[in-house]
Amino acid sequence: MSTYRSPFERLREKFDESEMRCPACGYVDTDGSWRVTTTGDRVRYQFICPTCDAVETRELRLG
């Protein structure tokens, strides 16, 4: 039996599978994941570096 995953969940999984290297300090987070938020017309994926708290954001606009 398959479990339905939305396109947004599948995209987050792709981000999680990629190397999560902080662009500010270079730390590679091997256990982290992207946080997902939405405002209705935008979907925002954010990676927050656990070392320096830098935020990398990727945003999709729907419409």
C-alpha atoms as a PDB file:
ATOM      1  CA  MET A   1       0.000   0.000   0.000  1.00  0.00           C
ATOM      2  CA  SER A   2       1.422   3.389  -0.961  1.00  0.00           C
ATOM      3  CA  THR A   3       1.281   6.466   1.215  1.00  0.00           C
ATOM      4  CA  TYR A   4       0.291   9.719  -0.454  1.00  0.00           C
ATOM      5  CA  ARG A   5       2.811  12.549  -0.133  1.00  0.00           C
ATOM      6  CA  SER A   6       2.054  15.998  -1.468  1.00  0.00           C
ATOM      7  CA  PRO A   7       4.366  17.569  -4.048  1.00  0.00           C
ATOM      8  CA  PHE A   8       5.594  19.930  -1.309  1.00  0.00           C
ATOM      9  CA  GLU A   9       6.556  17.022   0.946  1.00  0.00           C
ATOM     10  CA  ARG A  10       8.400  15.355  -1.920  1.00  0.00           C
ATOM     11  CA  LEU A  11      10.291  18.587  -2.669  1.00  0.00           C
ATOM     12  CA  ARG A  12      11.282  18.933   1.000  1.00  0.00           C
ATOM     13  CA  GLU A  13      12.609  15.365   0.873  1.00  0.00           C
ATOM     14  CA  LYS A  14      14.773  16.343  -2.127  1.00  0.00           C
ATOM     15  CA  PHE A  15      16.150  19.311  -0.175  1.00  0.00           C
ATOM     16  CA  ASP A  16      16.782  17.037   2.834  1.00  0.00           C
ATOM     17  CA  GLU A  17      18.691  14.584   0.605  1.00  0.00           C
ATOM     18  CA  SER A  18      20.984  17.331  -0.674  1.00  0.00           C
ATOM     19  CA  GLU A  19      24.121  18.314   1.218  1.00  0.00           C
ATOM     20  CA  MET A  20      23.144  20.879   3.832  1.00  0.00           C
ATOM     21  CA  ARG A  21      26.215  23.085   3.904  1.00  0.00           C
ATOM     22  CA  CYS A  22      25.866  26.467   5.547  1.00  0.00           C
ATOM     23  CA  PRO A  23      26.805  29.202   3.061  1.00  0.00           C
ATOM     24  CA  ALA A  24      27.951  31.461   5.923  1.00  0.00           C
ATOM     25  CA  CYS A  25      30.255  29.225   7.989  1.00  0.00           C
ATOM     26  CA  GLY A  26      30.629  26.048   5.898  1.00  0.00           C
ATOM     27  CA  TYR A  27      29.213  23.676   8.535  1.00  0.00           C
ATOM     28  CA  VAL A  28      27.679  20.511   7.052  1.00  0.00           C
ATOM     29  CA  ASP A  29      24.567  19.391   8.940  1.00  0.00           C
ATOM     30  CA  THR A  30      24.158  15.644   8.433  1.00  0.00           C
ATOM     31  CA  ASP A  31      21.128  15.278  10.734  1.00  0.00           C
ATOM     32  CA  GLY A  32      19.151  18.417   9.918  1.00  0.00           C
ATOM     33  CA  SER A  33      16.152  19.034   7.710  1.00  0.00           C
ATOM     34  CA  TRP A  34      14.449  21.902   5.951  1.00  0.00           C
ATOM     35  CA  ARG A  35      11.586  23.669   7.719  1.00  0.00           C
ATOM     36  CA  VAL A  36       8.485  24.297   5.575  1.00  0.00           C
ATOM     37  CA  THR A  37       5.981  27.123   6.036  1.00  0.00           C
ATOM     38  CA  THR A  38       3.224  28.449   3.811  1.00  0.00           C
ATOM     39  CA  THR A  39       1.153  31.608   3.553  1.00  0.00           C
ATOM     40  CA  GLY A  40      -1.318  30.263   1.004  1.00  0.00           C
ATOM     41  CA  ASP A  41       0.297  31.717  -2.122  1.00  0.00           C
ATOM     42  CA  ARG A  42       3.909  31.005  -1.127  1.00  0.00           C
ATOM     43  CA  VAL A  43       5.748  27.966   0.170  1.00  0.00           C
ATOM     44  CA  ARG A  44       8.989  28.711   2.005  1.00  0.00           C
ATOM     45  CA  TYR A  45      11.692  26.127   2.735  1.00  0.00           C
ATOM     46  CA  GLN A  46      14.330  27.179   5.276  1.00  0.00           C
ATOM     47  CA  PHE A  47      17.533  25.608   6.503  1.00  0.00           C
ATOM     48  CA  ILE A  48      18.808  27.118   9.763  1.00  0.00           C
ATOM     49  CA  CYS A  49      22.443  26.411  10.552  1.00  0.00           C
ATOM     50  CA  PRO A  50      22.761  24.930  14.047  1.00  0.00           C
ATOM     51  CA  THR A  51      26.260  26.409  14.406  1.00  0.00           C
ATOM     52  CA  CYS A  52      25.891  30.062  13.396  1.00  0.00           C
ATOM     53  CA  ASP A  53      22.073  30.446  12.982  1.00  0.00           C
ATOM     54  CA  ALA A  54      22.402  31.611   9.356  1.00  0.00           C
ATOM     55  CA  VAL A  55      19.218  31.025   7.366  1.00  0.00           C
ATOM     56  CA  GLU A  56      19.064  29.739   3.789  1.00  0.00           C
ATOM     57  CA  THR A  57      15.645  30.246   2.212  1.00  0.00           C
ATOM     58  CA  ARG A  58      14.087  28.846  -0.940  1.00  0.00           C
ATOM     59  CA  GLU A  59      10.626  30.077  -1.829  1.00  0.00           C
ATOM     60  CA  LEU A  60       7.993  28.969  -4.313  1.00  0.00           C
ATOM     61  CA  ARG A  61       5.240  31.332  -5.380  1.00  0.00           C
ATOM     62  CA  LEU A  62       1.967  29.733  -6.347  1.00  0.00           C
ATOM     63  CA  GLY A  63      -0.402  31.322  -8.709  1.00  0.00           C
END
